[in-house]
Amino acid sequence: MATNIKDVAREAGVSIATVSLVFNRKPGVGRETRERVLRVARDLDYRRALPRGNDIPKGRTVRFLKISRHGHTVNRDHDSFIADYIAGLDQQARLSKWTVEVNMFANVRAEETVRFLSTVSADGAIVLGTELGVDEVCAFGKAAIPVVILDTYYGHLPLDFVDMSNEAAAFTAISHFVEHGHREIGFVKGDVEVANFRLREQGFVGAMRHFGLKVNARSIVPVDATFDGAYRDMAKYLAGGGKLPPALFISNDIMAYGAMKAMKEAGIRVPDDVSVIGFDDLPQSARMETPLTTISVSKRDMGRRAFDLLAARIAEGRDRPAEKVLIDGALIVRDSVRSK
C-alpha cells in the first residue's frame, strides 16, 4: 500500500498540517522538525513530496517580479532583454508544467514587495534585481517563499543569484581593443549605482592592469544611464573641452547610442576617430549607422537557469547551500572598432 501524508505525520510525531507545511516549503516549522519530517518521508519512500534530479513537481506557480527603483535601466529601452528573461523562464517552466505570473513594481520599498510574496499564491519567485542595492536584495532573504535574484550579483550574500559574468566580459572587450593595437582605452560608466555597472568598471580596471595600461581619472567618463542622459552628458563633456581616448568601452548599449550621437555632433567619427564597444547586444545595435561591436549575454539562458535554480531550491529547501550562477558573454564583432 502506498505511503500517504498521514503515515509520515504519525511516524514523525507531528500533525498532518505540519507535514503539509514542510512539503510545501512554507515557514512556521523549526529546522529540527523539518529535517525529521523529510527524513521520515525518505525512509517511507514518500516520493511525491521529495523531488529528485529532474523529477520536478508539476502544477507549481512562480512569480517573476519586475522591479524598477529609479528607472535608469529597467525602462522601455530595455524591454527587449527583460522580455527575453521572461521568455527563457516561461519556456523552462512550461517543460515542467509550471505557471509563470509577472508582477511589476515601481518605486516600491523592497520590504513591501517581500510582504506581497506572503499574500499571493506562489511556490517561489524570481526577482529582477537590476536596480536593487545590497540592502534591498538582503530583504528578499526574509521572503516567505524561495527566491532567486536575477541580473545582479552580491557575492557575499547567502542568496541564490543568476547574473552575467560582467568582469570577464569587460576583459573580453579590452582584449579586443588591445588585439587591434589600442593602448589608450577609456570607460564610460553609468552614474547610477547598479551592481552590473560597478562590476564592469572593476573588470575594465583589472583588464587594463593586466595588459600594463594606465588608468587615471581621465580614463573614466561618468554619464547618465539613459539614452537622453548619456547624450546630454557626453555633449556637455565634449563642449567643455573633454578629450576622449581612441577607444571606449561603454557600460551598456543604450549609453553607447547616446554617447555616439553626441560624438557625431561634435565631429568625432566612430570608428575612425574613436572605437567603441558596448554591452547588451540590443536589437538596434546591429542597425545603427555604424553597427555596434558589443557584448552579448543570452538573457533567455539566464531566465532558464534562474528557473532551474529556483526549482532546485524549492525541492531541497532552505538548507541547500546558496548558489551563484554567472553566464559568460560573447563579443559580437561589427563595425565600431578599427585597428590602430
Foldseek 3Di string as FASTA:
>chain_A
DADDLVNLCVVLVHDSVQLVCLLLQFDDDDPVSSVSSVVSCVVSVVVQSFDDDPRFAAAFEEEEEAEAQDQLASHPVCPVLVVLLVVLQVVLNVVRNYHYHYDYYYNDQLLVVLVVQVVDGHQEYEYACFQPDPVSVVSNVPHRHAYEYEAADDPVDQHAYEHAQQLVQLLVVVVVQVVLPDQQEAEEAEPHDTRSRVSNVVSPVVNNVVVPGDDDPLRYHYWHSALQGLLVRLLVCVVVPRDDGLEYEYEAVRSVNSNVVSCVVVVHDFNVRHFYEHEDPDVCLCVDPFRHWYKHFRSSVSSNVRNVVSSVCSNPDPVPGHDYHHTYIDIDDGGRHHHD
